[in-house]
Structure formats: C-alpha cells, structure tokens
Amino acid sequence: MEGYLMPALLLALHILQLFNHINPCTATGKTNTQYIKRSCSVTIYPRLCYHSLSIYAGKIKTDPKVLAHTALNVTLAATQESSVIMRRLSEIHGLKPIETAAVLDCMEEIGDAILELQQSLDELGHVVRGSNFWFQMSDIQTWVSAALTDEDTCMDGFEEHHLRGRVEAVVRRYTVNVAHLTSNALALINSYASSKAALP
C-alpha cells in the first residue's frame, strides 16, 4: 500500500498552502503542478509524491533541483515527526520490555536516517554544475540510500520477536510512510542528476 502523509504533516502543508497563495487554476500554477505530476511519475509512489509536493508548486516551478530539495525537506520533516512519535511510544507505561527495546532500536535507526537526510539537504544546497557535481551527487545519493536502509531496518526488532499489536502497528505506519517519502526523494534526486547529465 502506498504511503500517506501523517495528520500533523498534512495540516502543516495545508497551512503553508494558505500562506503561499498557490492557485493551481492559473496558467502558471497549472504548468507548475503538471510539472510536479510528470516528475513524480518516475517514483515508486507517484500519488504520495504529488500530494506531498504539489502544495509547493509556486516555489518549485519547473526546477528539478528545487523539486529534489523540497522532496528532501518534506521527507526530513516526516522522519523527525516519526522520531517524536516513537519517543512518546517508548515512554508509555505498561509496555513489555521487549516492545520498548524494539521501539528504541527503531528510534536509533530513524535518528541515523535524520542525520543522513540532513547531510543530503546541506550538500544539495551547495551543488553547482562543474567538476565536483558528480562527486557531490554521489554523496547525496549514498546518504539518502543509507537513510532508506535505516528506515527499512527499523522494524527488524518487531519482526525478529514476532511482535504484533498497537505499538507495532503505529511504528510500522510511520516507518512505511517515511520510507516511501525517502524512496520518492531518491528517485527525484536521481532524475535531477540525469537531467544535468543530458546537458552539453
């Protein structure tokens, strides 16, 4: 099942839309949203991609670098939100010790993913076309791929001990969501790199 935006993140996106005054009905707005929809077609989760990024159409316009940067920002915000939720879960009284341990292990993996996504964002902000372009893009792709691996590894503690229940369901829901967003961001980063490769 394709990932979806968490309630708090979705509310934040709607608020941003009000402040940005994005009107998809205008010719420019329609062009921008069509660009995002077309760009999202290269991702594994295109609907999630479009819904998470179309609100920023006025900022992204038709710029593949800004699109990739925005996708990373959205992914980082969702991953940070997931970390907060998991911390709250780990503090619930009455959890089995093995459940608490699994949540804490997952938090550690998500924490690593946050650092890697932050590194990627910082590096992407400094990318310029030139001799270092491919070196920088390689670093970014490596970090985002590592974040995706960390997110996929997050559920290992639950799987290993066959843990099921409300805690596992919440952790899985948030983890799957950020993994899908990360996958989409990586696809858009790869697309940005490819677009530069096509230039003379």
N, C-alpha and C. Protein backbone atom coordinates (compact mmCIF):
# COMPACT_ATOMS: atom_id res chain seq x y z
N MET A 1 0.85 -1.20 0.00
CA MET A 1 0.00 0.00 0.00
C MET A 1 0.88 1.24 0.00
N GLU A 2 0.51 2.20 -0.86
CA GLU A 2 1.33 3.40 -0.96
C GLU A 2 1.23 4.20 0.32
N GLY A 3 2.35 4.85 0.70
CA GLY A 3 2.40 5.64 1.93
C GLY A 3 1.48 6.84 1.84
N TYR A 4 1.31 7.49 2.99
CA TYR A 4 0.46 8.65 3.04
C TYR A 4 1.04 9.63 4.03
N LEU A 5 0.55 10.88 4.01
CA LEU A 5 1.07 11.90 4.89
C LEU A 5 0.44 11.77 6.27
N MET A 6 1.24 11.90 7.32
CA MET A 6 0.75 11.86 8.68
C MET A 6 -0.11 13.10 8.95
N PRO A 7 -1.10 13.00 9.86
CA PRO A 7 -2.02 14.11 10.11
C PRO A 7 -1.34 15.45 10.39
N ALA A 8 -0.36 15.48 11.28
CA ALA A 8 0.29 16.75 11.64
C ALA A 8 1.00 17.36 10.44
N LEU A 9 1.67 16.50 9.65
CA LEU A 9 2.37 16.99 8.47
C LEU A 9 1.38 17.50 7.43
N LEU A 10 0.26 16.79 7.28
CA LEU A 10 -0.75 17.19 6.31
C LEU A 10 -1.33 18.55 6.68
N LEU A 11 -1.59 18.77 7.99
CA LEU A 11 -2.11 20.06 8.45
C LEU A 11 -1.11 21.17 8.15
N ALA A 12 0.17 20.89 8.41
CA ALA A 12 1.21 21.89 8.16
C ALA A 12 1.27 22.25 6.67
N LEU A 13 1.12 21.26 5.81
CA LEU A 13 1.15 21.51 4.38
C LEU A 13 -0.02 22.38 3.95
N HIS A 14 -1.21 22.14 4.53
CA HIS A 14 -2.37 22.95 4.19
C HIS A 14 -2.19 24.40 4.64
N ILE A 15 -1.60 24.59 5.81
CA ILE A 15 -1.34 25.94 6.31
C ILE A 15 -0.37 26.67 5.39
N LEU A 16 0.69 25.94 4.96
CA LEU A 16 1.65 26.54 4.04
C LEU A 16 0.99 26.95 2.73
N GLN A 17 0.05 26.14 2.31
CA GLN A 17 -0.64 26.45 1.06
C GLN A 17 -1.40 27.78 1.17
N LEU A 18 -2.03 28.01 2.32
CA LEU A 18 -2.77 29.24 2.53
C LEU A 18 -1.84 30.45 2.50
N PHE A 19 -0.67 30.29 3.11
CA PHE A 19 0.28 31.39 3.16
C PHE A 19 0.95 31.63 1.81
N ASN A 20 1.15 30.57 1.06
CA ASN A 20 1.82 30.71 -0.23
C ASN A 20 0.88 31.19 -1.34
N HIS A 21 -0.44 31.15 -1.07
CA HIS A 21 -1.44 31.59 -2.04
C HIS A 21 -1.25 30.90 -3.39
N ILE A 22 -1.06 29.60 -3.35
CA ILE A 22 -0.87 28.85 -4.59
C ILE A 22 -2.24 28.60 -5.23
N ASN A 23 -2.40 29.03 -6.44
CA ASN A 23 -3.65 28.83 -7.15
C ASN A 23 -3.39 27.96 -8.38
N PRO A 24 -3.71 26.65 -8.27
CA PRO A 24 -3.42 25.75 -9.38
C PRO A 24 -4.27 26.02 -10.61
N CYS A 25 -5.27 26.91 -10.48
CA CYS A 25 -6.15 27.17 -11.62
C CYS A 25 -5.54 28.18 -12.58
N THR A 26 -4.55 28.94 -12.15
CA THR A 26 -3.91 29.88 -13.05
C THR A 26 -3.05 29.11 -14.04
N ALA A 27 -2.73 29.77 -15.16
CA ALA A 27 -1.93 29.11 -16.20
C ALA A 27 -0.58 28.68 -15.64
N THR A 28 0.07 29.60 -14.88
CA THR A 28 1.37 29.28 -14.31
C THR A 28 1.26 28.18 -13.28
N GLY A 29 0.23 28.29 -12.41
CA GLY A 29 0.03 27.27 -11.39
C GLY A 29 -0.21 25.90 -11.99
N LYS A 30 -0.99 25.88 -13.08
CA LYS A 30 -1.28 24.61 -13.74
C LYS A 30 -0.01 24.01 -14.35
N THR A 31 0.81 24.86 -14.95
CA THR A 31 2.07 24.40 -15.53
C THR A 31 2.97 23.80 -14.44
N ASN A 32 3.03 24.49 -13.31
CA ASN A 32 3.89 24.02 -12.21
C ASN A 32 3.41 22.70 -11.64
N THR A 33 2.10 22.57 -11.42
CA THR A 33 1.58 21.33 -10.85
C THR A 33 1.70 20.18 -11.85
N GLN A 34 1.53 20.49 -13.13
CA GLN A 34 1.70 19.46 -14.16
C GLN A 34 3.15 18.97 -14.19
N TYR A 35 4.07 19.91 -13.99
CA TYR A 35 5.49 19.54 -13.94
C TYR A 35 5.76 18.59 -12.79
N ILE A 36 5.19 18.89 -11.63
CA ILE A 36 5.39 18.02 -10.47
C ILE A 36 4.78 16.64 -10.72
N LYS A 37 3.58 16.63 -11.28
CA LYS A 37 2.93 15.35 -11.56
C LYS A 37 3.74 14.52 -12.54
N ARG A 38 4.26 15.17 -13.56
CA ARG A 38 5.08 14.48 -14.56
C ARG A 38 6.37 13.97 -13.94
N SER A 39 6.98 14.80 -13.10
CA SER A 39 8.23 14.41 -12.44
C SER A 39 8.01 13.25 -11.48
N CYS A 40 6.87 13.25 -10.81
CA CYS A 40 6.57 12.19 -9.84
C CYS A 40 6.31 10.84 -10.50
N SER A 41 6.12 10.84 -11.80
CA SER A 41 5.85 9.58 -12.50
C SER A 41 7.05 8.65 -12.48
N VAL A 42 8.24 9.18 -12.18
CA VAL A 42 9.44 8.33 -12.13
C VAL A 42 9.59 7.66 -10.77
N THR A 43 8.76 8.04 -9.81
CA THR A 43 8.88 7.48 -8.46
C THR A 43 8.05 6.21 -8.32
N ILE A 44 8.33 5.46 -7.26
CA ILE A 44 7.57 4.23 -7.00
C ILE A 44 6.19 4.55 -6.44
N TYR A 45 6.09 5.69 -5.76
CA TYR A 45 4.82 6.07 -5.12
C TYR A 45 4.39 7.45 -5.65
N PRO A 46 3.94 7.50 -6.89
CA PRO A 46 3.67 8.79 -7.54
C PRO A 46 2.55 9.60 -6.89
N ARG A 47 1.52 8.94 -6.38
CA ARG A 47 0.42 9.68 -5.75
C ARG A 47 0.91 10.37 -4.49
N LEU A 48 1.65 9.67 -3.66
CA LEU A 48 2.22 10.26 -2.46
C LEU A 48 3.15 11.40 -2.84
N CYS A 49 3.95 11.18 -3.85
CA CYS A 49 4.89 12.19 -4.33
C CYS A 49 4.14 13.47 -4.71
N TYR A 50 3.11 13.34 -5.51
CA TYR A 50 2.37 14.51 -5.97
C TYR A 50 1.68 15.23 -4.82
N HIS A 51 1.01 14.47 -3.96
CA HIS A 51 0.27 15.09 -2.85
C HIS A 51 1.20 15.77 -1.85
N SER A 52 2.39 15.26 -1.69
CA SER A 52 3.32 15.85 -0.72
C SER A 52 4.06 17.06 -1.28
N LEU A 53 4.11 17.19 -2.61
CA LEU A 53 4.91 18.26 -3.22
C LEU A 53 4.10 19.31 -3.98
N SER A 54 2.90 18.98 -4.41
CA SER A 54 2.14 19.91 -5.24
C SER A 54 1.82 21.21 -4.50
N ILE A 55 1.75 21.14 -3.20
CA ILE A 55 1.47 22.33 -2.41
C ILE A 55 2.59 23.36 -2.52
N TYR A 56 3.77 22.90 -2.92
CA TYR A 56 4.93 23.79 -3.08
C TYR A 56 5.16 24.17 -4.53
N ALA A 57 4.14 24.00 -5.37
CA ALA A 57 4.30 24.24 -6.80
C ALA A 57 4.80 25.65 -7.11
N GLY A 58 4.31 26.63 -6.34
CA GLY A 58 4.73 28.00 -6.58
C GLY A 58 6.21 28.23 -6.31
N LYS A 59 6.76 27.45 -5.41
CA LYS A 59 8.18 27.55 -5.08
C LYS A 59 9.02 26.72 -6.05
N ILE A 60 8.54 25.52 -6.35
CA ILE A 60 9.29 24.59 -7.20
C ILE A 60 9.33 25.05 -8.65
N LYS A 61 8.19 25.58 -9.11
CA LYS A 61 8.02 25.96 -10.52
C LYS A 61 8.36 24.75 -11.41
N THR A 62 9.40 24.83 -12.23
CA THR A 62 9.79 23.67 -13.06
C THR A 62 11.28 23.41 -12.88
N ASP A 63 11.76 23.62 -11.67
CA ASP A 63 13.19 23.48 -11.37
C ASP A 63 13.46 22.12 -10.72
N PRO A 64 14.17 21.21 -11.39
CA PRO A 64 14.39 19.87 -10.84
C PRO A 64 15.21 19.87 -9.56
N LYS A 65 16.10 20.83 -9.41
CA LYS A 65 16.90 20.89 -8.18
C LYS A 65 16.03 21.31 -7.00
N VAL A 66 15.19 22.33 -7.21
CA VAL A 66 14.29 22.78 -6.14
C VAL A 66 13.29 21.66 -5.81
N LEU A 67 12.85 20.94 -6.82
CA LEU A 67 11.94 19.81 -6.60
C LEU A 67 12.59 18.76 -5.70
N ALA A 68 13.83 18.38 -6.02
CA ALA A 68 14.54 17.39 -5.22
C ALA A 68 14.79 17.90 -3.80
N HIS A 69 15.15 19.16 -3.69
CA HIS A 69 15.41 19.76 -2.38
C HIS A 69 14.14 19.79 -1.54
N THR A 70 13.03 20.13 -2.16
CA THR A 70 11.75 20.17 -1.45
C THR A 70 11.32 18.78 -1.00
N ALA A 71 11.54 17.80 -1.87
CA ALA A 71 11.21 16.41 -1.51
C ALA A 71 12.03 15.95 -0.31
N LEU A 72 13.29 16.34 -0.27
CA LEU A 72 14.13 16.00 0.89
C LEU A 72 13.64 16.71 2.15
N ASN A 73 13.24 17.97 2.02
CA ASN A 73 12.73 18.71 3.17
C ASN A 73 11.46 18.07 3.74
N VAL A 74 10.55 17.69 2.86
CA VAL A 74 9.30 17.04 3.28
C VAL A 74 9.61 15.71 3.96
N THR A 75 10.56 14.98 3.38
CA THR A 75 10.95 13.68 3.94
C THR A 75 11.58 13.84 5.31
N LEU A 76 12.45 14.82 5.45
CA LEU A 76 13.10 15.07 6.74
C LEU A 76 12.07 15.43 7.80
N ALA A 77 11.11 16.30 7.46
CA ALA A 77 10.08 16.70 8.41
C ALA A 77 9.26 15.50 8.88
N ALA A 78 8.90 14.62 7.95
CA ALA A 78 8.12 13.44 8.29
C ALA A 78 8.94 12.47 9.16
N THR A 79 10.23 12.36 8.86
CA THR A 79 11.10 11.47 9.63
C THR A 79 11.29 12.00 11.04
N GLN A 80 11.45 13.30 11.18
CA GLN A 80 11.56 13.90 12.51
C GLN A 80 10.29 13.72 13.31
N GLU A 81 9.14 13.85 12.65
CA GLU A 81 7.86 13.63 13.32
C GLU A 81 7.76 12.18 13.80
N SER A 82 8.22 11.25 12.97
CA SER A 82 8.18 9.84 13.35
C SER A 82 9.05 9.57 14.57
N SER A 83 10.19 10.23 14.64
CA SER A 83 11.08 10.07 15.79
C SER A 83 10.40 10.52 17.07
N VAL A 84 9.69 11.64 17.00
CA VAL A 84 8.97 12.16 18.17
C VAL A 84 7.89 11.18 18.62
N ILE A 85 7.15 10.64 17.66
CA ILE A 85 6.09 9.69 17.98
C ILE A 85 6.68 8.45 18.64
N MET A 86 7.79 7.96 18.13
CA MET A 86 8.41 6.76 18.69
C MET A 86 8.95 7.01 20.10
N ARG A 87 9.46 8.20 20.33
CA ARG A 87 9.92 8.53 21.68
C ARG A 87 8.76 8.49 22.66
N ARG A 88 7.63 9.04 22.24
CA ARG A 88 6.44 9.01 23.11
C ARG A 88 5.98 7.57 23.35
N LEU A 89 6.04 6.76 22.32
CA LEU A 89 5.65 5.35 22.47
C LEU A 89 6.55 4.64 23.47
N SER A 90 7.85 4.93 23.42
CA SER A 90 8.80 4.25 24.30
C SER A 90 8.60 4.61 25.76
N GLU A 91 7.90 5.72 26.01
CA GLU A 91 7.68 6.17 27.38
C GLU A 91 6.33 5.73 27.94
N ILE A 92 5.57 4.99 27.16
CA ILE A 92 4.27 4.51 27.62
C ILE A 92 4.46 3.47 28.72
N HIS A 93 3.75 3.66 29.83
CA HIS A 93 3.83 2.68 30.92
C HIS A 93 3.01 1.44 30.53
N GLY A 94 3.52 0.31 30.92
CA GLY A 94 2.81 -0.94 30.66
C GLY A 94 3.28 -1.68 29.43
N LEU A 95 4.21 -1.09 28.68
CA LEU A 95 4.76 -1.82 27.54
C LEU A 95 5.62 -2.98 28.02
N LYS A 96 5.61 -4.04 27.27
CA LYS A 96 6.52 -5.13 27.57
C LYS A 96 7.95 -4.66 27.31
N PRO A 97 8.90 -5.09 28.12
CA PRO A 97 10.30 -4.68 27.92
C PRO A 97 10.78 -4.92 26.50
N ILE A 98 10.34 -6.02 25.90
CA ILE A 98 10.79 -6.34 24.55
C ILE A 98 10.19 -5.37 23.53
N GLU A 99 8.98 -4.85 23.81
CA GLU A 99 8.38 -3.85 22.94
C GLU A 99 9.13 -2.53 23.05
N THR A 100 9.44 -2.14 24.28
CA THR A 100 10.19 -0.91 24.49
C THR A 100 11.54 -0.97 23.79
N ALA A 101 12.20 -2.12 23.91
CA ALA A 101 13.51 -2.30 23.27
C ALA A 101 13.40 -2.18 21.75
N ALA A 102 12.35 -2.75 21.18
CA ALA A 102 12.15 -2.69 19.73
C ALA A 102 11.91 -1.26 19.27
N VAL A 103 11.13 -0.51 20.05
CA VAL A 103 10.86 0.90 19.71
C VAL A 103 12.15 1.72 19.79
N LEU A 104 12.94 1.49 20.83
CA LEU A 104 14.20 2.22 20.99
C LEU A 104 15.18 1.90 19.87
N ASP A 105 15.22 0.63 19.46
CA ASP A 105 16.07 0.24 18.33
C ASP A 105 15.64 0.98 17.06
N CYS A 106 14.34 1.05 16.88
CA CYS A 106 13.80 1.73 15.70
C CYS A 106 14.12 3.21 15.76
N MET A 107 14.00 3.80 16.94
CA MET A 107 14.34 5.21 17.11
C MET A 107 15.79 5.49 16.72
N GLU A 108 16.67 4.57 17.07
CA GLU A 108 18.08 4.73 16.72
C GLU A 108 18.28 4.74 15.21
N GLU A 109 17.59 3.83 14.53
CA GLU A 109 17.68 3.77 13.06
C GLU A 109 17.11 5.04 12.44
N ILE A 110 15.98 5.50 12.96
CA ILE A 110 15.36 6.72 12.43
C ILE A 110 16.25 7.93 12.71
N GLY A 111 16.90 7.93 13.87
CA GLY A 111 17.84 9.00 14.18
C GLY A 111 18.99 9.07 13.19
N ASP A 112 19.50 7.90 12.82
CA ASP A 112 20.56 7.85 11.79
C ASP A 112 20.04 8.38 10.46
N ALA A 113 18.80 8.00 10.13
CA ALA A 113 18.20 8.46 8.87
C ALA A 113 18.07 9.98 8.85
N ILE A 114 17.69 10.56 9.99
CA ILE A 114 17.56 12.01 10.09
C ILE A 114 18.90 12.69 9.79
N LEU A 115 19.96 12.19 10.38
CA LEU A 115 21.29 12.77 10.14
C LEU A 115 21.68 12.67 8.67
N GLU A 116 21.40 11.53 8.07
CA GLU A 116 21.77 11.33 6.67
C GLU A 116 20.95 12.22 5.74
N LEU A 117 19.68 12.41 6.06
CA LEU A 117 18.84 13.30 5.26
C LEU A 117 19.29 14.75 5.41
N GLN A 118 19.69 15.13 6.63
CA GLN A 118 20.20 16.48 6.84
C GLN A 118 21.49 16.72 6.06
N GLN A 119 22.37 15.72 6.06
CA GLN A 119 23.60 15.83 5.28
C GLN A 119 23.29 16.01 3.80
N SER A 120 22.32 15.25 3.33
CA SER A 120 21.93 15.31 1.92
C SER A 120 21.38 16.69 1.56
N LEU A 121 20.54 17.23 2.44
CA LEU A 121 19.97 18.56 2.21
C LEU A 121 21.06 19.62 2.15
N ASP A 122 21.97 19.56 3.11
CA ASP A 122 23.06 20.53 3.16
C ASP A 122 23.90 20.47 1.89
N GLU A 123 24.23 19.25 1.48
CA GLU A 123 25.08 19.08 0.29
C GLU A 123 24.36 19.53 -0.98
N LEU A 124 23.07 19.18 -1.08
CA LEU A 124 22.31 19.56 -2.28
C LEU A 124 22.22 21.08 -2.40
N GLY A 125 22.17 21.76 -1.24
CA GLY A 125 22.14 23.21 -1.27
C GLY A 125 23.41 23.84 -1.80
N HIS A 126 24.50 23.07 -1.82
CA HIS A 126 25.79 23.59 -2.29
C HIS A 126 26.20 23.03 -3.65
N VAL A 127 25.33 22.24 -4.25
CA VAL A 127 25.66 21.62 -5.54
C VAL A 127 25.65 22.68 -6.65
N VAL A 128 26.72 22.70 -7.41
CA VAL A 128 26.80 23.56 -8.60
C VAL A 128 27.37 22.72 -9.74
N ARG A 129 26.98 23.09 -10.95
CA ARG A 129 27.50 22.33 -12.09
C ARG A 129 28.98 22.62 -12.26
N GLY A 130 29.76 21.58 -12.39
CA GLY A 130 31.20 21.74 -12.52
C GLY A 130 31.89 20.42 -12.24
N SER A 131 33.16 20.48 -11.98
CA SER A 131 33.95 19.26 -11.82
C SER A 131 33.54 18.45 -10.60
N ASN A 132 32.96 19.12 -9.59
CA ASN A 132 32.59 18.41 -8.36
C ASN A 132 31.15 17.93 -8.36
N PHE A 133 30.41 18.22 -9.43
CA PHE A 133 28.98 17.92 -9.45
C PHE A 133 28.70 16.45 -9.18
N TRP A 134 29.36 15.57 -9.92
CA TRP A 134 29.05 14.14 -9.79
C TRP A 134 29.54 13.58 -8.46
N PHE A 135 30.62 14.14 -7.94
CA PHE A 135 31.09 13.72 -6.62
C PHE A 135 30.06 14.09 -5.56
N GLN A 136 29.54 15.32 -5.65
CA GLN A 136 28.53 15.76 -4.69
C GLN A 136 27.24 14.95 -4.81
N MET A 137 26.81 14.72 -6.03
CA MET A 137 25.57 13.96 -6.25
C MET A 137 25.73 12.52 -5.76
N SER A 138 26.91 11.96 -5.95
CA SER A 138 27.17 10.60 -5.47
C SER A 138 27.04 10.52 -3.95
N ASP A 139 27.57 11.53 -3.26
CA ASP A 139 27.45 11.59 -1.80
C ASP A 139 25.99 11.67 -1.38
N ILE A 140 25.24 12.53 -2.05
CA ILE A 140 23.82 12.71 -1.72
C ILE A 140 23.05 11.41 -1.93
N GLN A 141 23.28 10.77 -3.06
CA GLN A 141 22.59 9.51 -3.35
C GLN A 141 22.94 8.44 -2.33
N THR A 142 24.20 8.42 -1.91
CA THR A 142 24.64 7.43 -0.91
C THR A 142 23.96 7.67 0.42
N TRP A 143 23.89 8.94 0.85
CA TRP A 143 23.27 9.25 2.13
C TRP A 143 21.77 8.96 2.14
N VAL A 144 21.08 9.32 1.06
CA VAL A 144 19.64 9.07 1.01
C VAL A 144 19.37 7.57 0.93
N SER A 145 20.20 6.83 0.20
CA SER A 145 20.06 5.37 0.14
C SER A 145 20.28 4.76 1.52
N ALA A 146 21.26 5.30 2.26
CA ALA A 146 21.53 4.81 3.62
C ALA A 146 20.35 5.09 4.54
N ALA A 147 19.73 6.28 4.39
CA ALA A 147 18.55 6.61 5.19
C ALA A 147 17.42 5.63 4.90
N LEU A 148 17.25 5.28 3.64
CA LEU A 148 16.20 4.33 3.27
C LEU A 148 16.48 2.97 3.88
N THR A 149 17.74 2.55 3.89
CA THR A 149 18.11 1.28 4.52
C THR A 149 17.83 1.31 6.01
N ASP A 150 18.17 2.42 6.66
CA ASP A 150 17.90 2.55 8.10
C ASP A 150 16.41 2.44 8.39
N GLU A 151 15.59 3.07 7.56
CA GLU A 151 14.14 3.04 7.77
C GLU A 151 13.61 1.63 7.57
N ASP A 152 14.15 0.92 6.57
CA ASP A 152 13.72 -0.46 6.33
C ASP A 152 14.14 -1.38 7.48
N THR A 153 15.28 -1.06 8.09
CA THR A 153 15.81 -1.87 9.20
C THR A 153 15.05 -1.61 10.49
N CYS A 154 14.34 -0.49 10.55
CA CYS A 154 13.65 -0.06 11.77
C CYS A 154 12.76 -1.14 12.37
N MET A 155 12.09 -1.90 11.53
CA MET A 155 11.12 -2.88 12.01
C MET A 155 11.74 -4.22 12.37
N ASP A 156 13.05 -4.37 12.24
CA ASP A 156 13.69 -5.66 12.46
C ASP A 156 13.43 -6.22 13.85
N GLY A 157 13.46 -5.35 14.87
CA GLY A 157 13.24 -5.82 16.24
C GLY A 157 11.85 -6.40 16.42
N PHE A 158 10.87 -5.81 15.77
CA PHE A 158 9.50 -6.31 15.86
C PHE A 158 9.36 -7.63 15.10
N GLU A 159 10.01 -7.69 13.92
CA GLU A 159 9.92 -8.91 13.11
C GLU A 159 10.63 -10.07 13.79
N GLU A 160 11.79 -9.78 14.35
CA GLU A 160 12.60 -10.83 14.96
C GLU A 160 11.87 -11.52 16.10
N HIS A 161 11.12 -10.75 16.87
CA HIS A 161 10.42 -11.32 18.03
C HIS A 161 8.92 -11.51 17.76
N HIS A 162 8.53 -11.38 16.49
CA HIS A 162 7.14 -11.61 16.08
C HIS A 162 6.16 -10.78 16.91
N LEU A 163 6.53 -9.51 17.12
CA LEU A 163 5.69 -8.62 17.93
C LEU A 163 4.58 -8.04 17.07
N ARG A 164 3.36 -8.14 17.57
CA ARG A 164 2.20 -7.57 16.90
C ARG A 164 1.38 -6.81 17.93
N GLY A 165 0.58 -5.89 17.47
CA GLY A 165 -0.23 -5.11 18.40
C GLY A 165 -0.24 -3.65 18.02
N ARG A 166 -0.81 -2.82 18.89
CA ARG A 166 -0.99 -1.40 18.58
C ARG A 166 0.34 -0.67 18.41
N VAL A 167 1.29 -0.97 19.29
CA VAL A 167 2.59 -0.28 19.20
C VAL A 167 3.27 -0.61 17.88
N GLU A 168 3.30 -1.88 17.55
CA GLU A 168 3.93 -2.30 16.29
C GLU A 168 3.22 -1.67 15.09
N ALA A 169 1.89 -1.58 15.16
CA ALA A 169 1.12 -1.02 14.05
C ALA A 169 1.42 0.46 13.85
N VAL A 170 1.54 1.20 14.95
CA VAL A 170 1.85 2.64 14.84
C VAL A 170 3.25 2.84 14.28
N VAL A 171 4.22 2.09 14.82
CA VAL A 171 5.60 2.21 14.35
C VAL A 171 5.69 1.86 12.86
N ARG A 172 5.02 0.80 12.48
CA ARG A 172 5.05 0.38 11.07
C ARG A 172 4.43 1.45 10.17
N ARG A 173 3.32 2.03 10.60
CA ARG A 173 2.65 3.04 9.78
C ARG A 173 3.56 4.24 9.53
N TYR A 174 4.18 4.73 10.57
CA TYR A 174 5.07 5.89 10.42
C TYR A 174 6.34 5.52 9.62
N THR A 175 6.87 4.35 9.89
CA THR A 175 8.10 3.93 9.22
C THR A 175 7.88 3.72 7.73
N VAL A 176 6.78 3.08 7.38
CA VAL A 176 6.46 2.86 5.97
C VAL A 176 6.27 4.20 5.26
N ASN A 177 5.61 5.14 5.93
CA ASN A 177 5.39 6.45 5.33
C ASN A 177 6.70 7.16 5.01
N VAL A 178 7.62 7.19 5.98
CA VAL A 178 8.88 7.90 5.73
C VAL A 178 9.74 7.15 4.73
N ALA A 179 9.65 5.82 4.72
CA ALA A 179 10.41 5.05 3.74
C ALA A 179 9.92 5.34 2.32
N HIS A 180 8.60 5.47 2.16
CA HIS A 180 8.05 5.79 0.84
C HIS A 180 8.44 7.20 0.41
N LEU A 181 8.40 8.15 1.34
CA LEU A 181 8.83 9.52 1.02
C LEU A 181 10.31 9.56 0.65
N THR A 182 11.12 8.79 1.38
CA THR A 182 12.56 8.75 1.11
C THR A 182 12.83 8.14 -0.27
N SER A 183 12.11 7.07 -0.58
CA SER A 183 12.24 6.43 -1.88
C SER A 183 11.91 7.42 -3.00
N ASN A 184 10.85 8.19 -2.81
CA ASN A 184 10.47 9.18 -3.81
C ASN A 184 11.53 10.27 -3.94
N ALA A 185 12.04 10.74 -2.80
CA ALA A 185 13.08 11.78 -2.84
C ALA A 185 14.31 11.29 -3.58
N LEU A 186 14.70 10.04 -3.35
CA LEU A 186 15.86 9.48 -4.03
C LEU A 186 15.63 9.42 -5.54
N ALA A 187 14.43 9.04 -5.94
CA ALA A 187 14.11 8.98 -7.38
C ALA A 187 14.19 10.37 -8.01
N LEU A 188 13.74 11.39 -7.30
CA LEU A 188 13.78 12.76 -7.84
C LEU A 188 15.21 13.29 -7.86
N ILE A 189 16.02 12.88 -6.89
CA ILE A 189 17.45 13.25 -6.90
C ILE A 189 18.14 12.62 -8.10
N ASN A 190 17.85 11.35 -8.34
CA ASN A 190 18.43 10.66 -9.49
C ASN A 190 17.99 11.32 -10.80
N SER A 191 16.73 11.73 -10.84
CA SER A 191 16.20 12.39 -12.03
C SER A 191 16.89 13.73 -12.26
N TYR A 192 17.12 14.46 -11.17
CA TYR A 192 17.84 15.74 -11.27
C TYR A 192 19.26 15.52 -11.81
N ALA A 193 19.94 14.52 -11.29
CA ALA A 193 21.29 14.21 -11.75
C ALA A 193 21.28 13.85 -13.23
N SER A 194 20.28 13.07 -13.63
CA SER A 194 20.18 12.65 -15.04
C SER A 194 19.92 13.84 -15.95
N SER A 195 19.11 14.79 -15.47
CA SER A 195 18.80 15.97 -16.29
C SER A 195 20.05 16.81 -16.54
N LYS A 196 20.95 16.84 -15.54
CA LYS A 196 22.19 17.57 -15.71
C LYS A 196 23.13 16.83 -16.67
N ALA A 197 23.07 15.50 -16.62
CA ALA A 197 23.93 14.68 -17.48
C ALA A 197 23.55 14.89 -18.95
N ALA A 198 22.28 15.21 -19.21
CA ALA A 198 21.82 15.38 -20.58
C ALA A 198 22.24 16.71 -21.19
N LEU A 199 22.69 17.64 -20.31
CA LEU A 199 23.11 18.94 -20.81
C LEU A 199 24.47 18.85 -21.48
N PRO A 200 24.72 19.69 -22.47
CA PRO A 200 26.05 19.66 -23.15
C PRO A 200 27.14 20.17 -22.24
